[in-house]
Structures are given as C-alpha cells and as structure tokens.
Protein backbone atom coordinates (compact mmCIF):
# COMPACT_ATOMS: atom_id res chain seq x y z
CA UNK A 1 -12.17 128.73 159.32
CA UNK A 2 -12.98 125.03 159.14
CA UNK A 3 -11.49 124.94 155.64
CA UNK A 4 -8.27 126.57 156.86
CA UNK A 5 -8.14 124.21 159.87
CA UNK A 6 -8.61 121.28 157.52
CA UNK A 7 -5.71 122.48 155.39
CA UNK A 8 -3.51 122.80 158.48
CA UNK A 9 -4.40 119.31 159.72
CA UNK A 10 -3.75 117.89 156.25
CA UNK A 11 -0.36 119.59 156.09
CA UNK A 12 0.64 118.38 159.58
CA UNK A 13 -0.48 114.85 158.69
CA UNK A 14 1.62 114.98 155.55
CA UNK A 15 4.67 116.12 157.54
CA UNK A 16 4.22 113.23 159.99
CA UNK A 17 3.78 110.83 157.10
CA UNK A 18 7.00 112.06 155.50
CA UNK A 19 8.86 111.62 158.79
CA UNK A 20 7.45 108.11 159.24
CA UNK A 21 8.33 107.11 155.69
CA UNK A 22 11.83 108.50 156.16
CA UNK A 23 12.29 106.44 159.34
CA UNK A 24 10.93 103.32 157.67
CA UNK A 25 13.25 103.75 154.70
CA UNK A 26 16.20 104.27 157.01
CA UNK A 27 15.40 100.99 158.78
CA UNK A 28 14.59 98.98 155.68
CA UNK A 29 17.26 100.28 153.35
CA UNK A 30 19.99 100.94 155.90
CA UNK A 31 22.26 98.28 154.39
CA UNK A 32 21.87 99.75 150.93
CA UNK A 33 22.69 103.23 152.21
CA UNK A 34 25.72 101.86 154.04
CA UNK A 35 27.00 100.10 150.93
CA UNK A 36 26.58 103.20 148.79
CA UNK A 37 28.40 105.27 151.40
CA UNK A 38 31.22 102.78 151.56
CA UNK A 39 31.53 102.65 147.77
CA UNK A 40 32.01 106.39 147.76
CA UNK A 41 34.66 106.06 150.44
CA UNK A 42 36.66 103.58 148.35
CA UNK A 43 37.38 106.22 145.70
CA UNK A 44 39.35 108.30 148.18
CA UNK A 45 41.29 105.20 149.28
CA UNK A 46 42.10 104.15 145.71
CA UNK A 47 43.24 107.69 144.97
CA UNK A 48 45.54 107.55 147.98
CA UNK A 49 47.49 104.45 146.91
CA UNK A 50 51.28 104.86 147.42
CA UNK A 51 53.51 102.98 144.96
CA UNK A 52 57.12 101.88 145.40
CA UNK A 53 59.89 102.00 142.82
CA UNK A 54 58.53 98.85 141.18
CA UNK A 55 55.09 100.37 140.84
CA UNK A 56 53.57 98.20 143.50
CA UNK A 57 51.12 99.43 146.17
CA UNK A 58 52.83 99.60 149.52
CA UNK A 59 50.64 102.03 151.49
CA UNK A 60 47.66 104.37 151.42
CA UNK A 61 47.99 108.09 151.98
CA UNK A 62 44.58 109.51 152.85
CA UNK A 63 43.58 113.17 152.95
CA UNK A 64 43.50 114.57 156.50
CA UNK A 65 39.73 114.62 156.57
CA UNK A 66 39.45 110.96 155.61
CA UNK A 67 42.31 109.80 157.86
CA UNK A 68 40.62 111.26 160.95
CA UNK A 69 37.80 108.75 160.55
CA UNK A 70 40.12 105.77 160.40
CA UNK A 71 42.34 107.07 163.20
CA UNK A 72 39.57 108.02 165.63
CA UNK A 73 37.18 105.18 164.82
CA UNK A 74 39.63 102.38 163.99
CA UNK A 75 37.54 100.01 166.07
CA UNK A 76 34.54 100.65 163.83
CA UNK A 77 36.13 101.59 160.50
CA UNK A 78 38.89 99.57 158.76
CA UNK A 79 40.37 98.95 155.32
CA UNK A 80 42.86 96.49 153.82
CA UNK A 81 44.56 96.50 150.39
CA UNK A 82 45.47 93.06 148.98
CA UNK A 83 47.70 92.38 145.97
CA UNK A 84 47.21 89.60 143.44
CA UNK A 85 48.83 87.04 145.75
CA UNK A 86 46.34 87.77 148.54
CA UNK A 87 48.93 89.58 150.71
CA UNK A 88 47.85 92.70 152.60
CA UNK A 89 50.05 95.53 151.31
CA UNK A 90 48.28 98.41 153.11
CA UNK A 91 46.08 98.67 156.20
CA UNK A 92 44.32 101.35 158.22
CA UNK A 93 45.91 99.91 161.38
CA UNK A 94 48.94 97.81 162.33
CA UNK A 95 46.84 94.67 162.09
CA UNK A 96 47.35 93.35 158.55
CA UNK A 97 44.97 90.41 158.61
CA UNK A 98 42.49 90.09 155.71
CA UNK A 99 38.94 91.08 156.56
CA UNK A 100 37.71 88.16 154.45
CA UNK A 101 40.05 85.33 155.50
CA UNK A 102 37.71 82.61 154.24
CA UNK A 103 37.61 83.92 150.66
CA UNK A 104 40.29 83.70 148.03
CA UNK A 105 41.51 86.69 146.10
CA UNK A 106 39.34 85.92 143.06
CA UNK A 107 36.18 85.43 145.18
CA UNK A 108 36.32 88.76 146.94
CA UNK A 109 35.55 91.44 144.26
CA UNK A 110 31.90 92.53 144.44
CA UNK A 111 31.30 90.98 147.87
CA UNK A 112 29.19 92.91 150.41
CA UNK A 113 27.80 91.53 153.62
CA UNK A 114 28.07 91.27 157.39
CA UNK A 115 31.23 89.58 158.60
CA UNK A 116 32.26 88.80 162.18
CA UNK A 117 35.77 90.07 162.83
CA UNK A 118 37.37 89.83 166.27
CA UNK A 119 34.00 88.98 167.75
CA UNK A 120 32.23 92.02 166.26
CA UNK A 121 29.94 92.39 163.27
CA UNK A 122 31.12 94.56 160.40
CA UNK A 123 29.66 95.54 157.07
CA UNK A 124 32.44 94.43 154.70
CA UNK A 125 32.72 95.20 150.99
CA UNK A 126 35.42 94.32 148.49
CA UNK A 127 36.24 96.25 145.30
CA UNK A 128 38.91 95.42 142.69
CA UNK A 129 41.03 97.88 140.76
CA UNK A 130 44.05 97.49 138.44
CA UNK A 131 47.03 99.69 139.27
CA UNK A 132 49.90 99.74 136.78
CA UNK A 133 48.58 96.52 135.26
CA UNK A 134 48.44 94.69 138.62
CA UNK A 135 45.14 93.69 140.28
CA UNK A 136 44.40 94.90 143.81
CA UNK A 137 41.40 94.37 146.08
CA UNK A 138 40.29 96.98 148.57
CA UNK A 139 38.45 95.63 151.61
CA UNK A 140 36.47 98.23 153.53
CA UNK A 141 34.74 97.44 156.83
CA UNK A 142 32.32 99.48 158.85
CA UNK A 143 30.90 98.37 162.15
CA UNK A 144 27.12 98.19 162.58
CA UNK A 145 27.83 100.11 165.78
CA UNK A 146 29.17 102.92 163.63
CA UNK A 147 25.93 102.98 161.68
CA UNK A 148 23.89 102.89 164.87
CA UNK A 149 25.87 105.77 166.35
CA UNK A 150 25.37 107.78 163.16
CA UNK A 151 21.67 107.05 163.15
CA UNK A 152 21.31 107.95 166.81
CA UNK A 153 23.06 111.22 166.13
CA UNK A 154 21.22 112.12 162.93
CA UNK A 155 17.70 110.79 163.56
CA UNK A 156 16.88 113.11 166.49
CA UNK A 157 18.09 116.08 164.47
CA UNK A 158 15.97 115.05 161.52
CA UNK A 159 12.96 114.41 163.78
CA UNK A 160 13.31 117.75 165.56
CA UNK A 161 13.71 119.54 162.23
CA UNK A 162 10.64 117.87 160.73
CA UNK A 163 8.54 118.59 163.80
CA UNK A 164 9.67 122.23 163.94
CA UNK A 165 9.16 122.81 160.23
CA UNK A 166 5.83 121.00 160.35
CA UNK A 167 4.58 123.12 163.23
CA UNK A 168 5.73 126.38 161.65
CA UNK A 169 4.36 125.37 158.25
CA UNK A 170 1.00 124.39 159.76
CA UNK A 171 0.77 127.74 161.55
CA UNK A 172 1.72 129.73 158.46
CA UNK A 173 -0.55 127.61 156.28
CA UNK A 174 -3.47 128.10 158.68
CA UNK A 175 -3.03 131.88 158.69
CA UNK A 176 -2.58 132.06 154.94
CA UNK A 177 -5.51 129.71 154.40
CA UNK A 178 -7.76 131.81 156.65
CA UNK A 179 -6.83 134.97 154.76
CA UNK A 180 -7.29 133.26 151.40
CA UNK A 181 -10.67 131.81 152.34
CA UNK A 182 -11.83 135.17 153.68
CA UNK A 183 -10.66 136.86 150.47
CA UNK A 184 -12.53 134.29 148.36
CA UNK A 185 -15.72 134.52 150.42
CA UNK A 186 -15.87 138.33 150.42
CA UNK A 187 -17.15 138.66 146.82
CA UNK A 188 -19.45 135.67 147.37
CA UNK A 189 -21.05 137.46 150.32
CA UNK A 190 -21.51 140.53 148.10
CA UNK A 191 -23.21 138.33 145.49
CA UNK A 192 -25.41 136.83 148.20
CA UNK A 193 -26.49 140.29 149.34
CA UNK A 194 -27.25 141.27 145.74
CA UNK A 195 -29.26 138.07 145.24
CA UNK A 196 -31.37 138.85 148.31
CA UNK A 197 -32.27 142.23 146.82
CA UNK A 198 -33.73 140.67 143.66
CA UNK A 199 -37.53 140.58 143.69
CA UNK A 200 -40.62 141.22 141.64
CA UNK A 201 -40.09 144.97 141.93
CA UNK A 202 -36.34 144.80 141.29
CA UNK A 203 -35.78 142.30 138.49
CA UNK A 204 -33.26 144.63 136.86
CA UNK A 205 -30.72 143.92 139.64
CA UNK A 206 -27.74 141.76 138.70
CA UNK A 207 -25.09 139.97 140.73
CA UNK A 208 -21.63 141.58 140.54
CA UNK A 209 -19.20 139.62 138.36
CA UNK A 210 -16.13 141.81 138.87
CA UNK A 211 -13.78 140.46 141.51
CA UNK A 212 -15.38 137.02 141.52
CA UNK A 213 -13.05 133.99 141.61
CA UNK A 214 -12.57 132.49 138.16
CA UNK A 215 -14.20 129.23 139.29
CA UNK A 216 -17.39 130.98 140.45
CA UNK A 217 -17.68 133.64 137.73
CA UNK A 218 -19.40 131.29 135.19
CA UNK A 219 -22.05 130.41 137.81
CA UNK A 220 -22.70 134.09 138.56
CA UNK A 221 -22.84 134.85 134.82
CA UNK A 222 -25.36 132.04 134.28
CA UNK A 223 -27.48 133.29 137.21
CA UNK A 224 -27.49 136.80 135.74
CA UNK A 225 -28.66 135.28 132.47
CA UNK A 226 -31.56 133.65 134.32
CA UNK A 227 -32.44 137.00 135.90
CA UNK A 228 -32.35 138.67 132.48
CA UNK A 229 -34.71 136.07 131.01
CA UNK A 230 -37.02 136.43 134.00
CA UNK A 231 -37.03 140.19 133.57
CA UNK A 232 -37.87 139.83 129.87
CA UNK A 233 -40.68 137.38 130.64
CA UNK A 234 -42.03 139.69 133.34
CA UNK A 235 -41.95 142.65 130.95
CA UNK A 236 -43.72 140.59 128.29
CA UNK A 237 -46.44 139.75 130.79
CA UNK A 238 -46.80 143.41 131.72
CA UNK A 239 -47.04 144.41 128.05
CA UNK A 240 -49.52 141.62 127.44
CA UNK A 241 -51.78 142.82 130.27
CA UNK A 242 -51.50 146.46 129.19
CA UNK A 243 -52.16 145.65 125.53
CA UNK A 244 -55.11 143.42 126.33
CA UNK A 245 -56.66 146.05 128.58
CA UNK A 246 -56.09 148.78 125.98
CA UNK A 247 -57.47 146.84 123.02
CA UNK A 248 -60.47 145.32 124.75
CA UNK A 249 -61.53 148.36 126.72
CA UNK A 250 -63.22 150.24 123.86
CA UNK A 251 -65.01 147.26 122.17
CA UNK A 252 -66.30 146.06 125.54
CA UNK A 253 -67.61 149.53 126.38
CA UNK A 254 -69.38 149.76 123.01
CA UNK A 255 -70.87 146.29 123.35
CA UNK A 256 -72.09 147.11 126.86
CA UNK A 257 -73.67 150.35 125.62
CA UNK A 258 -75.50 148.55 122.80
CA UNK A 259 -76.79 145.88 125.14
CA UNK A 260 -77.98 148.50 127.64
CA UNK A 261 -79.66 150.49 124.85
CA UNK A 262 -81.33 147.39 123.47
CA UNK A 263 -80.94 145.69 120.12
CA UNK A 264 -83.76 147.16 118.01
CA UNK A 265 -82.89 145.69 114.60
CA UNK A 266 -80.67 143.22 112.80
CA UNK A 267 -78.04 145.87 112.05
CA UNK A 268 -77.37 146.41 115.78
CA UNK A 269 -77.21 142.66 116.32
CA UNK A 270 -74.79 142.22 113.40
CA UNK A 271 -72.63 145.09 114.63
CA UNK A 272 -72.50 143.59 118.13
CA UNK A 273 -71.49 140.19 116.71
CA UNK A 274 -68.81 141.89 114.63
CA UNK A 275 -67.41 143.59 117.74
CA UNK A 276 -67.42 140.28 119.60
CA UNK A 277 -65.60 138.61 116.71
CA UNK A 278 -63.02 141.39 116.74
CA UNK A 279 -62.47 141.00 120.48
CA UNK A 280 -62.20 137.23 120.11
CA UNK A 281 -59.55 137.63 117.42
CA UNK A 282 -57.65 140.15 119.53
CA UNK A 283 -57.70 137.83 122.53
CA UNK A 284 -56.41 134.97 120.38
CA UNK A 285 -53.59 137.08 118.95
CA UNK A 286 -52.62 138.39 122.39
CA UNK A 287 -52.45 134.84 123.70
CA UNK A 288 -50.31 133.83 120.73
CA UNK A 289 -48.01 136.78 121.39
CA UNK A 290 -47.61 135.69 125.00
CA UNK A 291 -46.76 132.14 123.87
CA UNK A 292 -44.07 133.07 121.34
CA UNK A 293 -42.50 135.77 123.49
CA UNK A 294 -40.42 133.11 125.25
CA UNK A 295 -38.17 131.18 122.81
CA UNK A 296 -37.67 128.50 125.46
CA UNK A 297 -41.32 127.47 125.07
CA UNK A 298 -40.85 126.57 121.40
CA UNK A 299 -41.15 122.90 120.41
CA UNK A 300 -38.57 122.75 117.66
CA UNK A 301 -38.28 119.95 115.11
CA UNK A 302 -37.75 119.41 111.40
CA UNK A 303 -40.73 120.86 109.53
CA UNK A 304 -41.58 121.02 105.79
CA UNK A 305 -42.73 124.59 105.11
CA UNK A 306 -44.57 123.33 101.99
CA UNK A 307 -46.89 121.19 104.12
CA UNK A 308 -47.56 124.10 106.47
CA UNK A 309 -48.22 126.50 103.54
CA UNK A 310 -50.74 124.08 102.00
CA UNK A 311 -52.56 123.81 105.35
CA UNK A 312 -52.70 127.63 105.64
CA UNK A 313 -54.12 128.09 102.14
CA UNK A 314 -56.72 125.40 102.79
CA UNK A 315 -57.65 127.15 106.03
CA UNK A 316 -58.09 130.55 104.30
CA UNK A 317 -59.62 129.26 101.07
CA UNK A 318 -63.17 130.19 102.12
CA UNK A 319 -62.16 133.75 103.07
CA UNK A 320 -60.31 134.18 99.77
CA UNK A 321 -63.29 132.85 97.80
CA UNK A 322 -65.68 135.20 99.58
CA UNK A 323 -63.36 138.15 98.77
CA UNK A 324 -62.98 136.99 95.13
CA UNK A 325 -59.20 136.60 95.52
CA UNK A 326 -57.16 133.74 94.09
CA UNK A 327 -54.48 132.03 96.18
CA UNK A 328 -51.34 130.72 94.44
CA UNK A 329 -48.59 128.54 95.93
CA UNK A 330 -45.22 128.35 94.19
CA UNK A 331 -43.58 125.17 95.41
CA UNK A 332 -39.79 124.91 95.89
CA UNK A 333 -37.68 122.93 93.45
CA UNK A 334 -36.08 120.93 96.28
CA UNK A 335 -37.40 119.36 99.45
CA UNK A 336 -37.02 122.13 102.04
CA UNK A 337 -36.91 121.31 105.73
CA UNK A 338 -36.30 123.81 108.53
CA UNK A 339 -36.01 123.50 112.28
CA UNK A 340 -39.10 125.23 113.59
CA UNK A 341 -42.18 125.01 115.77
CA UNK A 342 -44.84 123.77 113.33
CA UNK A 343 -47.68 125.57 115.14
CA UNK A 344 -45.79 128.87 115.24
CA UNK A 345 -44.90 128.57 111.53
CA UNK A 346 -48.59 128.02 110.73
CA UNK A 347 -49.54 131.18 112.66
CA UNK A 348 -46.79 133.13 110.88
CA UNK A 349 -47.92 132.16 107.36
CA UNK A 350 -51.60 132.51 108.27
CA UNK A 351 -51.09 136.10 109.47
CA UNK A 352 -49.07 137.05 106.36
CA UNK A 353 -51.62 135.55 103.95
CA UNK A 354 -54.57 136.93 105.91
CA UNK A 355 -52.96 140.39 105.92
CA UNK A 356 -52.51 140.13 102.12
CA UNK A 357 -56.19 139.12 101.70
CA UNK A 358 -57.35 142.09 103.77
CA UNK A 359 -55.50 144.58 101.55
CA UNK A 360 -55.98 142.95 98.13
CA UNK A 361 -58.77 144.20 95.81
CA UNK A 362 -61.40 141.74 94.46
CA UNK A 363 -60.33 139.89 91.34
CA UNK A 364 -56.63 139.96 92.25
CA UNK A 365 -54.44 137.19 93.59
CA UNK A 366 -52.12 136.49 96.53
CA UNK A 367 -48.94 134.48 95.91
CA UNK A 368 -46.96 132.41 98.35
CA UNK A 369 -43.43 131.66 97.06
CA UNK A 370 -41.36 128.98 98.78
CA UNK A 371 -37.66 128.21 98.23
CA UNK A 372 -34.72 126.88 100.23
CA UNK A 373 -33.87 130.40 101.48
CA UNK A 374 -37.29 131.34 102.87
CA UNK A 375 -40.88 132.21 102.04
CA UNK A 376 -42.46 135.33 100.51
CA UNK A 377 -46.11 136.45 100.46
CA UNK A 378 -47.04 138.97 97.75
CA UNK A 379 -50.31 140.81 97.05
CA UNK A 380 -51.67 143.45 94.65
CA UNK A 381 -52.91 145.89 97.26
CA UNK A 382 -51.82 149.49 97.87
CA UNK A 383 -48.46 148.36 99.27
CA UNK A 384 -46.52 149.87 102.14
CA UNK A 385 -44.72 153.21 101.62
CA UNK A 386 -40.93 152.92 102.24
CA UNK A 387 -41.06 155.25 105.26
CA UNK A 388 -43.52 152.92 107.04
CA UNK A 389 -41.96 149.53 106.23
CA UNK A 390 -39.99 149.35 109.48
CA UNK A 391 -43.05 150.29 111.57
CA UNK A 392 -45.53 147.74 110.24
CA UNK A 393 -44.16 145.12 112.63
CA UNK A 394 -44.83 147.21 115.75
CA UNK A 395 -47.72 146.26 117.98
CA UNK A 396 -51.01 148.12 117.39
CA UNK A 397 -49.45 150.25 114.65
CA UNK A 398 -51.74 151.44 111.86
CA UNK A 399 -50.81 153.54 108.85
CA UNK A 400 -52.05 157.14 108.97
CA UNK A 401 -55.47 157.46 107.35
CA UNK A 402 -56.15 153.74 107.39
CA UNK A 403 -59.85 152.92 107.78
CA UNK A 404 -59.71 149.13 107.66
CA UNK A 405 -60.54 147.27 110.84
CA UNK A 406 -57.80 145.30 112.54
CA UNK A 407 -55.97 144.91 115.82
CA UNK A 408 -52.50 145.78 114.53
CA UNK A 409 -51.14 142.59 116.09
CA UNK A 410 -50.83 140.26 113.10
CA UNK A 411 -47.49 141.49 111.76
CA UNK A 412 -46.18 142.05 115.30
CA UNK A 413 -46.88 138.38 115.96
CA UNK A 414 -45.01 137.49 112.74
CA UNK A 415 -41.94 139.36 113.96
CA UNK A 416 -42.06 137.69 117.39
CA UNK A 417 -42.15 134.23 115.78
CA UNK A 418 -39.30 135.15 113.42
CA UNK A 419 -37.13 136.44 116.29
CA UNK A 420 -37.85 133.36 118.41
CA UNK A 421 -36.57 131.13 115.58
CA UNK A 422 -33.53 133.25 114.77
CA UNK A 423 -34.88 134.15 111.31
CA UNK A 424 -35.40 137.55 109.67
CA UNK A 425 -38.35 139.29 108.03
CA UNK A 426 -38.56 142.33 105.79
CA UNK A 427 -41.23 144.31 104.05
CA UNK A 428 -40.87 145.48 100.46
CA UNK A 429 -42.68 146.03 97.17
CA UNK A 430 -44.09 143.13 95.14
CA UNK A 431 -42.94 142.80 91.48
CA UNK A 432 -46.48 143.48 90.15
CA UNK A 433 -47.33 146.20 92.66
CA UNK A 434 -48.52 145.76 96.22
CA UNK A 435 -46.68 144.58 99.30
CA UNK A 436 -44.19 141.76 99.69
CA UNK A 437 -43.23 140.17 103.03
CA UNK A 438 -40.13 137.97 102.92
CA UNK A 439 -39.09 135.61 105.72
CA UNK A 440 -35.57 134.19 105.50
CA UNK A 441 -34.68 130.99 107.30
CA UNK A 442 -31.16 132.32 108.00
CA UNK A 443 -30.98 135.79 109.47
C-alpha cells in the first residue's frame, strides 16, 4: 500500500508541477502568446480588404465572428489600414488616427510593442502586405486589459480542470497501483511459502516459477539452481556415508576378530596389515570421491598433461617393477595444455595406470598415450567384455567371477573427475589385446 500511496503522491505532485509551470509560462511568455494570436488575426483582416474601382483598399469586411470582437470590444481591440502615403484607409471604428503616430510608414512593418493610445496601454503590431502592387500596413492593437480579462476567464477554468483531473487521476492511480502491487506480490508470497518449506528433509522442493513477474523469474530460477546443487551435495554426502559404512564394515569386523583371537604367527599379522592397507586405500578413495563430487570445489588452471603423466609413472614405478611390468609413455607431438585441476588429473591417471597394473600379467607392459585430443591407458590383461564396459565405472562394481582384491572405486573416481571437468571417458579393447581406457578433453 505504501508503494501505491507513493505513486499517487508522485502523480499529484506532477499535476501540481504542470499547473505551476503552465501559470509561470503564461506570465513569462504572455507577450509572445499575444503577438502570435494577433498575427493570426491579421490574416482574417487582410483577407477582408475591400477594393474600389481603382484597386485601392477602402475598407475591411470581416466575417461575422471576427467583427463581433471589434464591435463589442472596440475599446480593447482596434485595427487600422494605412496606404503607402501613411493615410488610414480602413478602421475598426470611426476614429481614423494611426495607432503609431510617431512612426513613418516605412518604420512600422515588423513593429510589436506596448503603445499608449488615448491614455491606455495597448499591444500594437504592424504587418505589411502588397495588394495589387500597392503597399499597405495593417496596425492591430489589443489592450492589456483584454489580455487580463481573457486570463482571468481562462485561468480559473484551467486550474479547476487540472485540480479535478489530478484528483481523479490520483484516485484511479492509487486503486490501480494497489491492485497491481497486490497482483505482483501474490506469486512472491507463494514463493516465500515454498522457500519456508525447504529443509534438510525436503531438499527436493523448488520455488514455483510459473506466474512470476519477468523481473523476478531469473532470481527464482537461480535460487532453484542453488537448491538443486544443495540437493546433489546432500545426496553425495549420503552416498559417501553409506558407501564408507558398507565397505569398511566387513574388513573392520575381520580385523577385530583376528585381534580378539590373537595373532599366533606371521601370516595372521601379514593378513591383518593387508586388511588395514585395504581399508586405508578405501578411505582415501572415498574421501577423493567426496572432493570431486562438487565441480565448484575444483581449482582449475592450465595444466600440461605430460608433466602429470610423468609424475604418475614415477609414483608407480616401484609397483610396476615389483610386478615385472614395463611402463611406457608416448609423448604428444605438440605442447598440450588443458584447463584442469592438477591434483584431480593426477588421481585420474594414477587410478587408470594402477588399474592396468593390477590386471596385467608379469612380463607385459602398460602404455600411456598422450595427444592433443586426450589420453589413453592400454594394458595386456584379460580386457573388459563389451557387455560390461558401461558398468566398470559404477561404484563398487566387480565383474562376475573376479577374485582380485579391490574396492571397486578406482574407475568410479575416474568418471567423477571426468564429469567434473566436462570431459568424457570410454572403455574399449587395446590394439594388442587387453583393455583400453580413453579420456577425451572435449566431451
């Protein structure tokens, strides 16, 4: 309501301002308005010139409407017509004296000013026109009293009209403004109620966008985007907690059982250490999954994949040597730079190469091929059957009949990093047999 009242006050103020400006202009430019009015009046007088047999002006025949003014207001409205000799040949009244007695015929055309005539002030203007080749001057006089009477008659009417229209307009504007504001606020109140319903147990709720004013719709859309990202982050946290509990539950139970039963020999001790190593690796991978699940947490910058690949192979050189597997790096022909998180790219390549080492037989090799389109990691292991190639990137997925140890999180982490960067990854067959994992910088 305050907005509508403000609109009404603004409108009323504008109406008063217009009335004030109109009054000021009438006072300041009254002479100009009078001259323009008188110039228009001269056309009717010139058109009413009456000529004699010698084509000389001898009188003025005005239309009835124009003559009424000169007949009824002769004391305030006069005209004279002078020929080239300065003689008055036509007059609005019996008096045939020139209205500009102090000026010669040649000095009169174009004159406009206040002249005292018979003790009264008149606005007097003089205009020249040639009739049948002879020059004539028309003198037209209008009393300032005439102008004052006109203003006194017109100004109250104008003032009353402005006040009435201003009052009615303010009332109509206030009502229309109140209805418009209420109409605009109705969907905003609905959005407010929807926003209050959003909570930890109801993150799927969204603010209604239909019916929103065009100016507010982008804000509501952006807020819904925030809610969607919050919901995704919350779901990632829930999956992280569930996955961690699921994966750590069994190894912890086995480790507890061994400790309670006692470690009788080195084999039990080694098995316990192996379980602890497995749990440590799972915890690390789960934490990495939680970090890359939110693309907003990425620290992007220009990275050389070649430098990252060299660091990964150096990091896994000992494991490859112990497994009797050779690591090869095929460098790109051009200097490749991509916008990426360097730490996430290291984890991605490390998981792909480590996965290839786990499935490669002794005496074979693992190749890392880099080019400007992406990176590929190839091994000589058993490969991935075509029907399972889309499932290898799922969390905790293991191929049927697989006996190798592993958390099933390495390739899932690769996919999360790829998605966070807007890249793509695919699984296929290596040229020499085995599996090939190809990451493309442009999806």
